[in-house]
Amino acid sequence: GLILAGPLADASGLHTTFLALSLPMLALGVAAVFMPALRELDNEPRADSGIP
């Protein structure tokens, strides 16, 4: 990430770089909302069914 951010900031400016690099982070955040495995992290563990 930093290997690309430095030259990108030099070429296009810091404001444009922050905007360009924030879009993938926003997409990852929105995608995480729809991932069931992440939504279930705060759930209490289910009771053991007694089967080893």
N, C-alpha and C. Protein backbone atom coordinates (compact mmCIF):
# COMPACT_ATOMS: atom_id res chain seq x y z
N GLY A 1 0.81 -1.19 0.00
CA GLY A 1 0.00 0.00 0.00
C GLY A 1 0.85 1.25 0.00
N LEU A 2 1.86 1.29 0.86
CA LEU A 2 2.70 2.49 0.94
C LEU A 2 3.59 2.63 -0.29
N ILE A 3 3.90 1.51 -0.93
CA ILE A 3 4.72 1.56 -2.14
C ILE A 3 3.98 2.32 -3.24
N LEU A 4 2.66 2.16 -3.29
CA LEU A 4 1.86 2.86 -4.29
C LEU A 4 1.44 4.25 -3.84
N ALA A 5 1.23 4.45 -2.55
CA ALA A 5 0.70 5.71 -2.05
C ALA A 5 1.68 6.87 -2.25
N GLY A 6 2.96 6.62 -2.02
CA GLY A 6 3.95 7.69 -2.17
C GLY A 6 4.01 8.25 -3.58
N PRO A 7 4.26 7.42 -4.58
CA PRO A 7 4.30 7.94 -5.95
C PRO A 7 2.96 8.52 -6.41
N LEU A 8 1.86 7.92 -5.96
CA LEU A 8 0.55 8.45 -6.33
C LEU A 8 0.35 9.84 -5.74
N ALA A 9 0.77 10.04 -4.50
CA ALA A 9 0.65 11.36 -3.87
C ALA A 9 1.54 12.38 -4.56
N ASP A 10 2.72 11.96 -4.97
CA ASP A 10 3.61 12.88 -5.68
C ASP A 10 3.04 13.26 -7.04
N ALA A 11 2.44 12.31 -7.72
CA ALA A 11 1.95 12.56 -9.07
C ALA A 11 0.64 13.33 -9.10
N SER A 12 -0.28 13.01 -8.20
CA SER A 12 -1.62 13.60 -8.32
C SER A 12 -2.02 14.49 -7.16
N GLY A 13 -1.23 14.54 -6.12
CA GLY A 13 -1.57 15.38 -4.98
C GLY A 13 -2.15 14.56 -3.84
N LEU A 14 -2.03 15.09 -2.65
CA LEU A 14 -2.44 14.36 -1.46
C LEU A 14 -3.95 14.19 -1.37
N HIS A 15 -4.70 15.23 -1.70
CA HIS A 15 -6.17 15.15 -1.62
C HIS A 15 -6.71 14.06 -2.55
N THR A 16 -6.22 14.03 -3.76
CA THR A 16 -6.66 13.02 -4.74
C THR A 16 -6.26 11.62 -4.29
N THR A 17 -5.07 11.51 -3.72
CA THR A 17 -4.60 10.20 -3.23
C THR A 17 -5.49 9.69 -2.11
N PHE A 18 -5.82 10.55 -1.14
CA PHE A 18 -6.71 10.13 -0.06
C PHE A 18 -8.06 9.70 -0.59
N LEU A 19 -8.58 10.42 -1.55
CA LEU A 19 -9.87 10.07 -2.13
C LEU A 19 -9.78 8.74 -2.87
N ALA A 20 -8.75 8.56 -3.67
CA ALA A 20 -8.60 7.32 -4.45
C ALA A 20 -8.40 6.11 -3.54
N LEU A 21 -7.68 6.26 -2.44
CA LEU A 21 -7.42 5.13 -1.56
C LEU A 21 -8.55 4.89 -0.57
N SER A 22 -9.44 5.86 -0.41
CA SER A 22 -10.57 5.66 0.51
C SER A 22 -11.69 4.86 -0.16
N LEU A 23 -11.78 4.89 -1.46
CA LEU A 23 -12.85 4.16 -2.15
C LEU A 23 -12.77 2.65 -1.95
N PRO A 24 -11.59 2.02 -2.06
CA PRO A 24 -11.54 0.57 -1.77
C PRO A 24 -11.87 0.27 -0.30
N MET A 25 -11.45 1.14 0.61
CA MET A 25 -11.77 0.92 2.03
C MET A 25 -13.27 1.01 2.26
N LEU A 26 -13.93 1.93 1.60
CA LEU A 26 -15.38 2.06 1.72
C LEU A 26 -16.06 0.82 1.15
N ALA A 27 -15.58 0.33 0.02
CA ALA A 27 -16.16 -0.88 -0.58
C ALA A 27 -15.99 -2.09 0.34
N LEU A 28 -14.84 -2.21 0.99
CA LEU A 28 -14.62 -3.32 1.92
C LEU A 28 -15.54 -3.21 3.13
N GLY A 29 -15.75 -2.01 3.62
CA GLY A 29 -16.66 -1.82 4.75
C GLY A 29 -18.08 -2.18 4.41
N VAL A 30 -18.54 -1.79 3.24
CA VAL A 30 -19.90 -2.12 2.81
C VAL A 30 -20.03 -3.62 2.59
N ALA A 31 -19.01 -4.24 2.00
CA ALA A 31 -19.06 -5.69 1.77
C ALA A 31 -19.08 -6.45 3.09
N ALA A 32 -18.39 -5.95 4.11
CA ALA A 32 -18.35 -6.62 5.40
C ALA A 32 -19.72 -6.68 6.06
N VAL A 33 -20.57 -5.70 5.79
CA VAL A 33 -21.91 -5.68 6.36
C VAL A 33 -22.72 -6.89 5.89
N PHE A 34 -22.45 -7.35 4.69
CA PHE A 34 -23.23 -8.44 4.10
C PHE A 34 -22.61 -9.82 4.31
N MET A 35 -21.52 -9.92 5.05
CA MET A 35 -20.86 -11.20 5.31
C MET A 35 -21.42 -11.81 6.59
N PRO A 36 -22.12 -12.94 6.47
CA PRO A 36 -22.74 -13.56 7.65
C PRO A 36 -21.72 -13.93 8.73
N ALA A 37 -20.55 -14.37 8.35
CA ALA A 37 -19.54 -14.76 9.34
C ALA A 37 -19.14 -13.59 10.22
N LEU A 38 -19.08 -12.40 9.67
CA LEU A 38 -18.73 -11.23 10.46
C LEU A 38 -19.89 -10.77 11.33
N ARG A 39 -21.11 -10.91 10.83
CA ARG A 39 -22.28 -10.50 11.63
C ARG A 39 -22.46 -11.40 12.83
N GLU A 40 -22.05 -12.65 12.74
CA GLU A 40 -22.25 -13.61 13.82
C GLU A 40 -21.14 -13.60 14.86
N LEU A 41 -20.15 -12.74 14.73
CA LEU A 41 -19.04 -12.73 15.68
C LEU A 41 -19.49 -12.37 17.09
N ASP A 42 -20.46 -11.48 17.24
CA ASP A 42 -20.91 -11.05 18.56
C ASP A 42 -21.95 -11.96 19.17
N ASN A 43 -22.45 -12.93 18.45
CA ASN A 43 -23.47 -13.84 18.98
C ASN A 43 -22.88 -14.73 20.06
N GLU A 44 -23.74 -15.10 21.01
CA GLU A 44 -23.33 -16.05 22.04
C GLU A 44 -23.13 -17.42 21.40
N PRO A 45 -22.16 -18.18 21.88
CA PRO A 45 -21.99 -19.53 21.34
C PRO A 45 -23.21 -20.39 21.68
N ARG A 46 -23.58 -21.24 20.74
CA ARG A 46 -24.73 -22.12 20.97
C ARG A 46 -24.37 -23.20 21.98
N ALA A 47 -25.40 -23.67 22.67
CA ALA A 47 -25.19 -24.74 23.66
C ALA A 47 -24.72 -26.00 22.95
N ASP A 48 -23.85 -26.72 23.60
CA ASP A 48 -23.33 -27.96 23.04
C ASP A 48 -24.44 -29.00 22.97
N SER A 49 -24.53 -29.68 21.86
CA SER A 49 -25.60 -30.66 21.67
C SER A 49 -25.30 -31.99 22.35
N GLY A 50 -24.11 -32.17 22.92
CA GLY A 50 -23.76 -33.39 23.60
C GLY A 50 -23.14 -34.44 22.71
N ILE A 51 -23.03 -34.16 21.44
CA ILE A 51 -22.42 -35.10 20.50
C ILE A 51 -20.93 -34.78 20.42
N PRO A 52 -20.05 -35.75 20.72
CA PRO A 52 -18.59 -35.46 20.72
C PRO A 52 -18.04 -35.22 19.35
